[in-house]
Amino acid sequence: MTMHTGGKEMLLQREQRVVFQGDSVTDTGRDRDDFFGLGNGYPAIVSGTIGSLFPEMRIEFLNRGVGGDRVKDLKNRWKEDCLDLSPDWVSILVGINDCWRLYDSNDRTEPALFESNYRYLLQSAAARGASLIVMEPFYLPVYREMEMWTEDLGPKIQIIRRLAREFKAVYVPLDGIFAEAATKREPSFWAEDGIHPTPEGHSLIARHWLKALGVL
């Protein structure tokens, strides 16, 4: 059954399973002992919104974000925490820690390795028949020293955009979305430390995720 919302076709179908993957921005304190634990961020907002609007569709959401993860960490746990869950959709938001570790630990993730690992995530999920949702990593320069981060993150975002096109993923350009939002309120309103979203920041992510999937 295809649902239409406001003249748009919703991409999600009845009784599908969506797996959210990523780092702490996705993790948001989820209960590891609860198979269906969503945490208190954008995955919970997405699930609650769709469940309230379309309860009859019985769409299932799983959160497997892990705080601190880089792309290589997702790759290491990808089989257990993604492929073995038989998702119909895989939603990925990762990459900020690949940038951050350069500036807080002098631990660089080279672009070629970043691309290779990210490609593995998309390729292996697509090979299992999953549809893909790719979200840009983002940050807001709450502190002056963060202004230089774009030198490392910018090329990685370009890699993600290129891979999203190649794998025909639904794409959510969060870096630009947050940059625009920061023209309306101070950056810390959206992400207190520039990285981890506030409730308003998580709502912003959820709203654009839902728009990209044709829900709103």
N, C-alpha and C. Protein backbone atom coordinates (compact mmCIF):
# COMPACT_ATOMS: atom_id res chain seq x y z
N MET A 1 0.84 -1.19 0.00
CA MET A 1 0.00 0.00 0.00
C MET A 1 0.88 1.24 0.00
N THR A 2 0.65 2.14 -0.92
CA THR A 2 1.38 3.39 -1.00
C THR A 2 0.58 4.50 -0.33
N MET A 3 1.22 5.21 0.59
CA MET A 3 0.56 6.31 1.27
C MET A 3 0.94 7.61 0.59
N HIS A 4 0.00 8.53 0.51
CA HIS A 4 0.26 9.85 -0.04
C HIS A 4 0.04 10.88 1.06
N THR A 5 1.01 11.77 1.22
CA THR A 5 0.94 12.78 2.27
C THR A 5 1.12 14.14 1.63
N GLY A 6 0.10 14.95 1.69
CA GLY A 6 0.20 16.29 1.13
C GLY A 6 0.55 16.30 -0.34
N GLY A 7 0.05 15.30 -1.08
CA GLY A 7 0.33 15.23 -2.51
C GLY A 7 1.62 14.50 -2.84
N LYS A 8 2.41 14.13 -1.81
CA LYS A 8 3.65 13.42 -2.04
C LYS A 8 3.47 11.94 -1.71
N GLU A 9 4.27 11.11 -2.34
CA GLU A 9 4.24 9.68 -2.05
C GLU A 9 5.23 9.37 -0.94
N MET A 10 4.75 8.76 0.12
CA MET A 10 5.64 8.36 1.19
C MET A 10 6.43 7.13 0.76
N LEU A 11 7.73 7.17 0.97
CA LEU A 11 8.59 6.09 0.50
C LEU A 11 8.51 4.85 1.37
N LEU A 12 8.18 5.02 2.64
CA LEU A 12 8.07 3.87 3.53
C LEU A 12 6.81 3.08 3.22
N GLN A 13 6.92 1.77 3.39
CA GLN A 13 5.80 0.87 3.12
C GLN A 13 5.37 0.15 4.39
N ARG A 14 4.20 -0.41 4.34
CA ARG A 14 3.62 -1.11 5.49
C ARG A 14 4.54 -2.21 6.01
N GLU A 15 4.69 -2.26 7.33
CA GLU A 15 5.42 -3.31 8.05
C GLU A 15 6.89 -3.39 7.66
N GLN A 16 7.46 -2.29 7.22
CA GLN A 16 8.90 -2.27 6.95
C GLN A 16 9.67 -2.04 8.25
N ARG A 17 10.96 -2.39 8.19
CA ARG A 17 11.86 -2.18 9.33
C ARG A 17 12.93 -1.16 8.93
N VAL A 18 13.11 -0.15 9.76
CA VAL A 18 14.11 0.89 9.56
C VAL A 18 15.16 0.77 10.65
N VAL A 19 16.43 0.70 10.27
CA VAL A 19 17.53 0.67 11.23
C VAL A 19 18.30 1.98 11.16
N PHE A 20 18.37 2.69 12.28
CA PHE A 20 19.19 3.90 12.39
C PHE A 20 20.60 3.50 12.82
N GLN A 21 21.60 4.02 12.11
CA GLN A 21 22.98 3.72 12.45
C GLN A 21 23.78 5.01 12.56
N GLY A 22 24.78 4.99 13.43
CA GLY A 22 25.62 6.17 13.56
C GLY A 22 26.37 6.21 14.88
N ASP A 23 26.65 7.44 15.33
CA ASP A 23 27.43 7.68 16.53
C ASP A 23 26.53 8.21 17.64
N SER A 24 27.08 9.05 18.51
CA SER A 24 26.30 9.53 19.66
C SER A 24 25.11 10.38 19.27
N VAL A 25 25.18 11.04 18.11
CA VAL A 25 24.05 11.86 17.66
C VAL A 25 22.83 10.99 17.41
N THR A 26 23.07 9.73 17.04
CA THR A 26 21.98 8.76 16.85
C THR A 26 21.72 7.97 18.13
N ASP A 27 22.77 7.59 18.83
CA ASP A 27 22.67 6.78 20.05
C ASP A 27 21.74 7.43 21.07
N THR A 28 22.02 8.64 21.44
CA THR A 28 21.21 9.45 22.37
C THR A 28 20.75 8.68 23.61
N GLY A 29 21.69 7.93 24.20
CA GLY A 29 21.39 7.27 25.47
C GLY A 29 20.45 6.10 25.38
N ARG A 30 20.36 5.45 24.23
CA ARG A 30 19.43 4.32 24.11
C ARG A 30 19.81 3.20 25.08
N ASP A 31 18.84 2.44 25.49
CA ASP A 31 19.01 1.32 26.41
C ASP A 31 19.50 0.11 25.61
N ARG A 32 20.75 -0.29 25.84
CA ARG A 32 21.32 -1.42 25.10
C ARG A 32 20.60 -2.73 25.39
N ASP A 33 19.92 -2.81 26.53
CA ASP A 33 19.22 -4.04 26.89
C ASP A 33 17.82 -4.12 26.30
N ASP A 34 17.40 -3.05 25.66
CA ASP A 34 16.07 -3.00 25.04
C ASP A 34 16.24 -3.07 23.52
N PHE A 35 15.83 -4.18 22.92
CA PHE A 35 16.00 -4.38 21.47
C PHE A 35 15.41 -3.22 20.69
N PHE A 36 14.32 -2.66 21.20
CA PHE A 36 13.62 -1.59 20.49
C PHE A 36 13.90 -0.20 21.08
N GLY A 37 14.89 -0.10 21.97
CA GLY A 37 15.20 1.18 22.58
C GLY A 37 15.69 2.19 21.56
N LEU A 38 15.07 3.36 21.54
CA LEU A 38 15.38 4.37 20.53
C LEU A 38 16.18 5.54 21.06
N GLY A 39 16.38 5.64 22.38
CA GLY A 39 17.04 6.81 22.93
C GLY A 39 16.09 7.99 22.98
N ASN A 40 16.67 9.19 23.13
CA ASN A 40 15.82 10.38 23.29
C ASN A 40 16.12 11.45 22.25
N GLY A 41 16.54 11.03 21.06
CA GLY A 41 16.85 11.99 20.00
C GLY A 41 15.98 11.81 18.77
N TYR A 42 16.56 12.13 17.62
CA TYR A 42 15.77 12.12 16.38
C TYR A 42 15.17 10.76 16.03
N PRO A 43 15.82 9.60 16.32
CA PRO A 43 15.14 8.33 16.00
C PRO A 43 13.80 8.19 16.72
N ALA A 44 13.76 8.60 18.00
CA ALA A 44 12.51 8.52 18.75
C ALA A 44 11.46 9.47 18.19
N ILE A 45 11.90 10.65 17.76
CA ILE A 45 10.95 11.62 17.19
C ILE A 45 10.37 11.09 15.88
N VAL A 46 11.24 10.54 15.03
CA VAL A 46 10.78 9.96 13.76
C VAL A 46 9.78 8.84 14.02
N SER A 47 10.15 7.92 14.90
CA SER A 47 9.28 6.78 15.19
C SER A 47 7.94 7.24 15.75
N GLY A 48 7.97 8.17 16.70
CA GLY A 48 6.74 8.65 17.30
C GLY A 48 5.84 9.38 16.32
N THR A 49 6.46 10.16 15.44
CA THR A 49 5.67 10.90 14.45
C THR A 49 4.98 9.96 13.47
N ILE A 50 5.75 9.02 12.93
CA ILE A 50 5.16 8.09 11.96
C ILE A 50 4.14 7.18 12.63
N GLY A 51 4.45 6.73 13.84
CA GLY A 51 3.51 5.87 14.55
C GLY A 51 2.20 6.57 14.86
N SER A 52 2.28 7.86 15.16
CA SER A 52 1.05 8.59 15.48
C SER A 52 0.24 8.94 14.24
N LEU A 53 0.93 9.20 13.13
CA LEU A 53 0.24 9.56 11.89
C LEU A 53 -0.30 8.35 11.15
N PHE A 54 0.47 7.27 11.17
CA PHE A 54 0.11 6.08 10.38
C PHE A 54 0.24 4.81 11.22
N PRO A 55 -0.50 4.69 12.31
CA PRO A 55 -0.35 3.51 13.16
C PRO A 55 -0.66 2.21 12.45
N GLU A 56 -1.54 2.27 11.46
CA GLU A 56 -1.93 1.05 10.74
C GLU A 56 -0.81 0.48 9.89
N MET A 57 0.23 1.28 9.62
CA MET A 57 1.32 0.80 8.77
C MET A 57 2.30 -0.09 9.53
N ARG A 58 2.32 0.00 10.85
CA ARG A 58 3.14 -0.88 11.69
C ARG A 58 4.61 -0.88 11.26
N ILE A 59 5.14 0.29 11.00
CA ILE A 59 6.55 0.41 10.65
C ILE A 59 7.39 0.29 11.91
N GLU A 60 8.46 -0.48 11.83
CA GLU A 60 9.30 -0.79 12.98
C GLU A 60 10.63 -0.04 12.88
N PHE A 61 11.05 0.56 13.98
CA PHE A 61 12.29 1.32 14.02
C PHE A 61 13.24 0.74 15.06
N LEU A 62 14.49 0.56 14.65
CA LEU A 62 15.54 0.09 15.55
C LEU A 62 16.68 1.09 15.55
N ASN A 63 17.24 1.37 16.71
CA ASN A 63 18.38 2.28 16.83
C ASN A 63 19.61 1.47 17.23
N ARG A 64 20.64 1.55 16.40
CA ARG A 64 21.89 0.87 16.70
C ARG A 64 23.08 1.85 16.66
N GLY A 65 22.80 3.13 16.93
CA GLY A 65 23.88 4.10 17.05
C GLY A 65 24.73 3.82 18.28
N VAL A 66 26.03 4.08 18.19
CA VAL A 66 26.96 3.89 19.31
C VAL A 66 27.82 5.13 19.45
N GLY A 67 27.76 5.75 20.61
CA GLY A 67 28.52 6.97 20.85
C GLY A 67 30.01 6.78 20.61
N GLY A 68 30.63 7.75 19.96
CA GLY A 68 32.06 7.72 19.69
C GLY A 68 32.46 7.03 18.41
N ASP A 69 31.54 6.37 17.75
CA ASP A 69 31.89 5.58 16.57
C ASP A 69 32.33 6.44 15.40
N ARG A 70 33.30 5.90 14.68
CA ARG A 70 33.69 6.42 13.38
C ARG A 70 33.20 5.44 12.31
N VAL A 71 33.42 5.77 11.06
CA VAL A 71 32.95 4.89 9.99
C VAL A 71 33.56 3.50 10.13
N LYS A 72 34.84 3.44 10.49
CA LYS A 72 35.48 2.12 10.62
C LYS A 72 34.83 1.29 11.72
N ASP A 73 34.33 1.94 12.76
CA ASP A 73 33.66 1.21 13.85
C ASP A 73 32.32 0.64 13.39
N LEU A 74 31.59 1.42 12.59
CA LEU A 74 30.36 0.88 12.02
C LEU A 74 30.66 -0.34 11.16
N LYS A 75 31.71 -0.25 10.37
CA LYS A 75 32.08 -1.39 9.52
C LYS A 75 32.35 -2.63 10.36
N ASN A 76 33.03 -2.46 11.49
CA ASN A 76 33.40 -3.61 12.32
C ASN A 76 32.19 -4.30 12.94
N ARG A 77 31.11 -3.57 13.16
CA ARG A 77 29.92 -4.17 13.79
C ARG A 77 28.74 -4.23 12.83
N TRP A 78 29.00 -4.02 11.54
CA TRP A 78 27.92 -3.88 10.56
C TRP A 78 27.08 -5.13 10.39
N LYS A 79 27.71 -6.29 10.42
CA LYS A 79 26.94 -7.53 10.22
C LYS A 79 25.95 -7.72 11.36
N GLU A 80 26.44 -7.66 12.59
CA GLU A 80 25.58 -7.91 13.75
C GLU A 80 24.55 -6.81 13.95
N ASP A 81 24.98 -5.57 13.78
CA ASP A 81 24.13 -4.43 14.14
C ASP A 81 23.36 -3.83 12.97
N CYS A 82 23.49 -4.45 11.80
CA CYS A 82 22.72 -3.95 10.67
C CYS A 82 22.23 -5.09 9.78
N LEU A 83 23.14 -5.76 9.11
CA LEU A 83 22.74 -6.75 8.11
C LEU A 83 21.92 -7.88 8.72
N ASP A 84 22.32 -8.36 9.90
CA ASP A 84 21.61 -9.47 10.53
C ASP A 84 20.21 -9.08 11.02
N LEU A 85 19.93 -7.78 11.04
CA LEU A 85 18.61 -7.30 11.46
C LEU A 85 17.61 -7.27 10.31
N SER A 86 18.07 -7.60 9.11
CA SER A 86 17.22 -7.65 7.91
C SER A 86 16.42 -6.37 7.71
N PRO A 87 17.10 -5.23 7.63
CA PRO A 87 16.37 -3.97 7.47
C PRO A 87 15.83 -3.79 6.06
N ASP A 88 14.69 -3.13 5.96
CA ASP A 88 14.20 -2.66 4.66
C ASP A 88 14.82 -1.32 4.31
N TRP A 89 15.12 -0.54 5.34
CA TRP A 89 15.78 0.75 5.20
C TRP A 89 16.92 0.84 6.20
N VAL A 90 18.04 1.40 5.75
CA VAL A 90 19.16 1.71 6.64
C VAL A 90 19.41 3.21 6.56
N SER A 91 19.35 3.86 7.72
CA SER A 91 19.58 5.30 7.82
C SER A 91 20.91 5.53 8.53
N ILE A 92 21.83 6.23 7.87
CA ILE A 92 23.19 6.40 8.39
C ILE A 92 23.50 7.87 8.63
N LEU A 93 23.98 8.17 9.83
CA LEU A 93 24.51 9.49 10.16
C LEU A 93 25.81 9.27 10.91
N VAL A 94 26.93 9.43 10.21
CA VAL A 94 28.24 9.17 10.81
C VAL A 94 29.28 10.02 10.08
N GLY A 95 30.37 10.29 10.77
CA GLY A 95 31.47 11.02 10.13
C GLY A 95 32.07 12.13 10.97
N ILE A 96 31.29 12.67 11.92
CA ILE A 96 31.84 13.78 12.69
C ILE A 96 33.01 13.33 13.57
N ASN A 97 32.98 12.10 14.09
CA ASN A 97 34.10 11.64 14.90
C ASN A 97 35.34 11.38 14.06
N ASP A 98 35.16 11.05 12.79
CA ASP A 98 36.32 10.91 11.89
C ASP A 98 37.04 12.25 11.76
N CYS A 99 36.29 13.32 11.84
CA CYS A 99 36.87 14.67 11.83
C CYS A 99 37.38 15.07 13.21
N TRP A 100 36.57 14.89 14.22
CA TRP A 100 36.87 15.37 15.57
C TRP A 100 38.16 14.75 16.12
N ARG A 101 38.40 13.46 15.85
CA ARG A 101 39.58 12.80 16.39
C ARG A 101 40.88 13.43 15.87
N LEU A 102 40.83 14.05 14.70
CA LEU A 102 42.01 14.75 14.20
C LEU A 102 42.37 15.91 15.13
N TYR A 103 41.36 16.62 15.61
CA TYR A 103 41.60 17.84 16.36
C TYR A 103 41.74 17.63 17.86
N ASP A 104 41.19 16.53 18.38
CA ASP A 104 41.35 16.31 19.83
C ASP A 104 42.38 15.23 20.15
N SER A 105 42.75 14.41 19.14
CA SER A 105 43.69 13.31 19.40
C SER A 105 44.76 13.18 18.33
N ASN A 106 44.79 14.07 17.36
CA ASN A 106 45.73 14.00 16.24
C ASN A 106 45.65 12.65 15.53
N ASP A 107 44.44 12.13 15.41
CA ASP A 107 44.20 10.81 14.80
C ASP A 107 43.37 11.04 13.53
N ARG A 108 44.04 11.13 12.42
CA ARG A 108 43.38 11.46 11.15
C ARG A 108 42.80 10.22 10.48
N THR A 109 41.61 10.35 9.94
CA THR A 109 41.05 9.34 9.04
C THR A 109 41.25 9.85 7.62
N GLU A 110 42.11 9.18 6.87
CA GLU A 110 42.41 9.63 5.52
C GLU A 110 41.17 9.49 4.63
N PRO A 111 40.98 10.41 3.71
CA PRO A 111 39.79 10.37 2.86
C PRO A 111 39.60 9.05 2.12
N ALA A 112 40.68 8.45 1.64
CA ALA A 112 40.55 7.20 0.88
C ALA A 112 40.01 6.08 1.77
N LEU A 113 40.48 6.01 3.01
CA LEU A 113 39.98 4.99 3.93
C LEU A 113 38.54 5.29 4.33
N PHE A 114 38.25 6.55 4.56
CA PHE A 114 36.89 6.96 4.88
C PHE A 114 35.93 6.53 3.78
N GLU A 115 36.31 6.77 2.53
CA GLU A 115 35.45 6.41 1.41
C GLU A 115 35.30 4.90 1.28
N SER A 116 36.39 4.18 1.44
CA SER A 116 36.34 2.73 1.32
C SER A 116 35.41 2.11 2.37
N ASN A 117 35.54 2.56 3.60
CA ASN A 117 34.71 2.02 4.68
C ASN A 117 33.24 2.41 4.51
N TYR A 118 32.99 3.65 4.11
CA TYR A 118 31.61 4.11 3.91
C TYR A 118 30.98 3.36 2.74
N ARG A 119 31.76 3.14 1.70
CA ARG A 119 31.25 2.39 0.55
C ARG A 119 30.84 0.98 0.97
N TYR A 120 31.63 0.37 1.84
CA TYR A 120 31.29 -0.97 2.32
C TYR A 120 29.92 -0.97 3.00
N LEU A 121 29.67 0.03 3.83
CA LEU A 121 28.38 0.10 4.52
C LEU A 121 27.23 0.12 3.53
N LEU A 122 27.33 0.99 2.55
CA LEU A 122 26.25 1.15 1.58
C LEU A 122 26.14 -0.07 0.67
N GLN A 123 27.27 -0.54 0.20
CA GLN A 123 27.27 -1.65 -0.76
C GLN A 123 26.70 -2.92 -0.14
N SER A 124 27.12 -3.22 1.09
CA SER A 124 26.67 -4.46 1.72
C SER A 124 25.19 -4.39 2.09
N ALA A 125 24.72 -3.23 2.52
CA ALA A 125 23.30 -3.09 2.83
C ALA A 125 22.45 -3.17 1.56
N ALA A 126 22.90 -2.51 0.51
CA ALA A 126 22.16 -2.54 -0.76
C ALA A 126 22.12 -3.96 -1.32
N ALA A 127 23.21 -4.70 -1.14
CA ALA A 127 23.26 -6.08 -1.64
C ALA A 127 22.24 -6.97 -0.95
N ARG A 128 21.84 -6.61 0.26
CA ARG A 128 20.80 -7.36 0.99
C ARG A 128 19.40 -6.86 0.66
N GLY A 129 19.31 -5.88 -0.24
CA GLY A 129 18.01 -5.38 -0.65
C GLY A 129 17.49 -4.20 0.13
N ALA A 130 18.31 -3.63 1.01
CA ALA A 130 17.87 -2.49 1.81
C ALA A 130 17.93 -1.20 1.00
N SER A 131 16.96 -0.35 1.21
CA SER A 131 17.01 1.02 0.69
C SER A 131 17.83 1.86 1.67
N LEU A 132 18.42 2.94 1.16
CA LEU A 132 19.41 3.69 1.94
C LEU A 132 18.98 5.13 2.17
N ILE A 133 19.24 5.60 3.37
CA ILE A 133 19.07 7.01 3.73
C ILE A 133 20.41 7.48 4.27
N VAL A 134 20.99 8.47 3.63
CA VAL A 134 22.30 8.99 4.02
C VAL A 134 22.13 10.43 4.50
N MET A 135 22.64 10.68 5.71
CA MET A 135 22.59 12.03 6.27
C MET A 135 24.01 12.56 6.44
N GLU A 136 24.19 13.83 6.08
CA GLU A 136 25.50 14.45 6.23
C GLU A 136 25.87 14.60 7.70
N PRO A 137 27.15 14.34 8.05
CA PRO A 137 27.62 14.79 9.35
C PRO A 137 27.68 16.32 9.34
N PHE A 138 27.65 16.90 10.50
CA PHE A 138 27.59 18.36 10.58
C PHE A 138 28.23 18.81 11.89
N TYR A 139 28.58 20.07 11.95
CA TYR A 139 28.93 20.70 13.22
C TYR A 139 28.65 22.19 13.08
N LEU A 140 28.53 22.84 14.21
CA LEU A 140 28.38 24.29 14.25
C LEU A 140 29.53 24.87 15.07
N PRO A 141 30.21 25.89 14.58
CA PRO A 141 31.40 26.42 15.27
C PRO A 141 31.04 27.22 16.52
N VAL A 142 30.62 26.51 17.55
CA VAL A 142 30.28 27.16 18.82
C VAL A 142 31.53 27.79 19.43
N TYR A 143 32.67 27.13 19.25
CA TYR A 143 33.95 27.64 19.75
C TYR A 143 34.83 28.02 18.57
N ARG A 144 35.62 29.07 18.75
CA ARG A 144 36.42 29.59 17.65
C ARG A 144 37.34 28.54 17.04
N GLU A 145 37.92 27.67 17.89
CA GLU A 145 38.86 26.68 17.38
C GLU A 145 38.18 25.66 16.47
N MET A 146 36.86 25.59 16.48
CA MET A 146 36.15 24.65 15.62
C MET A 146 36.03 25.16 14.18
N GLU A 147 36.34 26.42 13.97
CA GLU A 147 36.15 26.99 12.63
C GLU A 147 37.01 26.28 11.59
N MET A 148 38.15 25.74 12.02
CA MET A 148 39.06 25.07 11.07
C MET A 148 38.61 23.66 10.71
N TRP A 149 37.63 23.13 11.42
CA TRP A 149 37.23 21.74 11.19
C TRP A 149 36.74 21.48 9.78
N THR A 150 36.23 22.51 9.15
CA THR A 150 35.70 22.33 7.79
C THR A 150 36.77 21.86 6.83
N GLU A 151 38.05 22.13 7.14
CA GLU A 151 39.14 21.68 6.27
C GLU A 151 39.17 20.16 6.18
N ASP A 152 38.82 19.48 7.26
CA ASP A 152 38.80 18.02 7.25
C ASP A 152 37.42 17.48 6.92
N LEU A 153 36.38 18.08 7.49
CA LEU A 153 35.04 17.53 7.30
C LEU A 153 34.51 17.80 5.90
N GLY A 154 34.84 18.95 5.33
CA GLY A 154 34.33 19.31 4.01
C GLY A 154 34.58 18.24 2.95
N PRO A 155 35.83 17.78 2.78
CA PRO A 155 36.09 16.72 1.80
C PRO A 155 35.35 15.42 2.11
N LYS A 156 35.16 15.12 3.38
CA LYS A 156 34.44 13.90 3.74
C LYS A 156 32.96 14.02 3.38
N ILE A 157 32.39 15.20 3.55
CA ILE A 157 31.00 15.41 3.13
C ILE A 157 30.89 15.25 1.62
N GLN A 158 31.86 15.73 0.88
CA GLN A 158 31.83 15.56 -0.58
C GLN A 158 31.87 14.08 -0.96
N ILE A 159 32.65 13.30 -0.23
CA ILE A 159 32.70 11.85 -0.47
C ILE A 159 31.32 11.23 -0.21
N ILE A 160 30.70 11.62 0.89
CA ILE A 160 29.38 11.08 1.24
C ILE A 160 28.36 11.45 0.18
N ARG A 161 28.40 12.68 -0.30
CA ARG A 161 27.45 13.09 -1.35
C ARG A 161 27.64 12.26 -2.61
N ARG A 162 28.88 12.04 -2.97
CA ARG A 162 29.17 11.26 -4.18
C ARG A 162 28.67 9.82 -4.02
N LEU A 163 28.91 9.22 -2.86
CA LEU A 163 28.45 7.86 -2.62
C LEU A 163 26.92 7.78 -2.60
N ALA A 164 26.30 8.78 -2.02
CA ALA A 164 24.83 8.79 -1.98
C ALA A 164 24.26 8.81 -3.39
N ARG A 165 24.87 9.60 -4.26
CA ARG A 165 24.41 9.61 -5.66
C ARG A 165 24.62 8.25 -6.31
N GLU A 166 25.79 7.69 -6.09
CA GLU A 166 26.13 6.41 -6.71
C GLU A 166 25.15 5.31 -6.29
N PHE A 167 24.78 5.30 -5.02
CA PHE A 167 23.91 4.24 -4.51
C PHE A 167 22.43 4.64 -4.47
N LYS A 168 22.14 5.81 -5.09
CA LYS A 168 20.75 6.28 -5.20
C LYS A 168 20.05 6.32 -3.84
N ALA A 169 20.78 6.83 -2.85
CA ALA A 169 20.24 6.93 -1.50
C ALA A 169 19.36 8.18 -1.36
N VAL A 170 18.39 8.09 -0.48
CA VAL A 170 17.70 9.30 -0.03
C VAL A 170 18.72 10.12 0.75
N TYR A 171 18.83 11.41 0.44
CA TYR A 171 19.91 12.22 1.01
C TYR A 171 19.35 13.37 1.83
N VAL A 172 19.91 13.54 3.02
CA VAL A 172 19.49 14.62 3.92
C VAL A 172 20.72 15.49 4.20
N PRO A 173 20.80 16.68 3.62
CA PRO A 173 22.00 17.52 3.70
C PRO A 173 22.07 18.31 5.00
N LEU A 174 22.38 17.62 6.09
CA LEU A 174 22.29 18.24 7.40
C LEU A 174 23.28 19.37 7.62
N ASP A 175 24.46 19.30 7.00
CA ASP A 175 25.44 20.36 7.22
C ASP A 175 24.87 21.71 6.79
N GLY A 176 24.28 21.74 5.62
CA GLY A 176 23.66 22.96 5.14
C GLY A 176 22.42 23.34 5.93
N ILE A 177 21.65 22.33 6.34
CA ILE A 177 20.44 22.58 7.11
C ILE A 177 20.77 23.26 8.44
N PHE A 178 21.80 22.75 9.12
CA PHE A 178 22.18 23.36 10.39
C PHE A 178 22.83 24.72 10.20
N ALA A 179 23.59 24.89 9.12
CA ALA A 179 24.19 26.20 8.85
C ALA A 179 23.10 27.25 8.64
N GLU A 180 22.05 26.87 7.92
CA GLU A 180 20.94 27.80 7.71
C GLU A 180 20.21 28.08 9.01
N ALA A 181 20.01 27.03 9.80
CA ALA A 181 19.31 27.21 11.08
C ALA A 181 20.07 28.17 11.99
N ALA A 182 21.41 28.14 11.90
CA ALA A 182 22.23 28.99 12.76
C ALA A 182 22.18 30.46 12.36
N THR A 183 21.52 30.77 11.24
CA THR A 183 21.29 32.18 10.90
C THR A 183 20.05 32.72 11.60
N LYS A 184 19.26 31.81 12.17
CA LYS A 184 18.01 32.21 12.83
C LYS A 184 18.14 32.25 14.35
N ARG A 185 18.99 31.40 14.89
CA ARG A 185 19.31 31.40 16.31
C ARG A 185 20.78 31.06 16.46
N GLU A 186 21.37 31.39 17.59
CA GLU A 186 22.79 31.12 17.83
C GLU A 186 23.07 29.62 17.71
N PRO A 187 24.29 29.26 17.26
CA PRO A 187 24.61 27.85 17.04
C PRO A 187 24.32 26.95 18.24
N SER A 188 24.61 27.44 19.45
CA SER A 188 24.41 26.60 20.63
C SER A 188 22.94 26.29 20.91
N PHE A 189 22.03 27.04 20.30
CA PHE A 189 20.60 26.72 20.42
C PHE A 189 20.30 25.38 19.78
N TRP A 190 21.02 25.07 18.71
CA TRP A 190 20.80 23.84 17.95
C TRP A 190 21.69 22.69 18.41
N ALA A 191 22.91 23.02 18.85
CA ALA A 191 23.85 22.00 19.33
C ALA A 191 24.74 22.68 20.37
N GLU A 192 24.54 22.34 21.62
CA GLU A 192 25.15 23.10 22.71
C GLU A 192 26.66 23.16 22.60
N ASP A 193 27.28 22.04 22.22
CA ASP A 193 28.74 22.01 22.05
C ASP A 193 29.15 22.07 20.59
N GLY A 194 28.20 22.31 19.71
CA GLY A 194 28.47 22.37 18.28
C GLY A 194 28.34 21.04 17.57
N ILE A 195 28.20 19.95 18.33
CA ILE A 195 28.17 18.60 17.75
C ILE A 195 26.90 17.85 18.16
N HIS A 196 26.61 17.84 19.44
CA HIS A 196 25.48 17.06 19.95
C HIS A 196 24.24 17.94 19.98
N PRO A 197 23.22 17.57 19.24
CA PRO A 197 22.04 18.43 19.12
C PRO A 197 21.28 18.59 20.44
N THR A 198 20.71 19.75 20.59
CA THR A 198 19.73 20.00 21.64
C THR A 198 18.40 19.37 21.22
N PRO A 199 17.37 19.40 22.07
CA PRO A 199 16.06 18.91 21.62
C PRO A 199 15.60 19.58 20.33
N GLU A 200 15.88 20.89 20.20
CA GLU A 200 15.50 21.59 18.98
C GLU A 200 16.30 21.07 17.79
N GLY A 201 17.58 20.77 18.02
CA GLY A 201 18.42 20.23 16.95
C GLY A 201 17.95 18.86 16.50
N HIS A 202 17.59 18.02 17.46
CA HIS A 202 17.08 16.69 17.10
C HIS A 202 15.75 16.80 16.35
N SER A 203 14.92 17.73 16.76
CA SER A 203 13.66 17.94 16.04
C SER A 203 13.92 18.41 14.62
N LEU A 204 14.95 19.22 14.44
CA LEU A 204 15.31 19.68 13.09
C LEU A 204 15.74 18.50 12.22
N ILE A 205 16.58 17.63 12.77
CA ILE A 205 17.00 16.43 12.02
C ILE A 205 15.78 15.59 11.66
N ALA A 206 14.94 15.32 12.64
CA ALA A 206 13.77 14.47 12.41
C ALA A 206 12.86 15.06 11.35
N ARG A 207 12.65 16.37 11.41
CA ARG A 207 11.74 17.00 10.44
C ARG A 207 12.26 16.84 9.02
N HIS A 208 13.55 17.02 8.83
CA HIS A 208 14.09 16.90 7.47
C HIS A 208 14.19 15.44 7.04
N TRP A 209 14.39 14.52 7.96
CA TRP A 209 14.34 13.09 7.63
C TRP A 209 12.93 12.75 7.14
N LEU A 210 11.94 13.19 7.87
CA LEU A 210 10.55 12.90 7.52
C LEU A 210 10.17 13.54 6.19
N LYS A 211 10.65 14.74 5.93
CA LYS A 211 10.39 15.39 4.64
C LYS A 211 11.05 14.62 3.50
N ALA A 212 12.28 14.16 3.71
CA ALA A 212 12.99 13.44 2.66
C ALA A 212 12.30 12.13 2.30
N LEU A 213 11.63 11.52 3.27
CA LEU A 213 10.92 10.26 3.04
C LEU A 213 9.47 10.47 2.62
N GLY A 214 9.08 11.72 2.44
CA GLY A 214 7.72 12.02 1.98
C GLY A 214 6.66 11.90 3.04
N VAL A 215 7.07 11.90 4.30
CA VAL A 215 6.09 11.78 5.39
C VAL A 215 5.45 13.14 5.67
N LEU A 216 6.24 14.20 5.59
CA LEU A 216 5.74 15.56 5.83
C LEU A 216 5.73 16.35 4.54
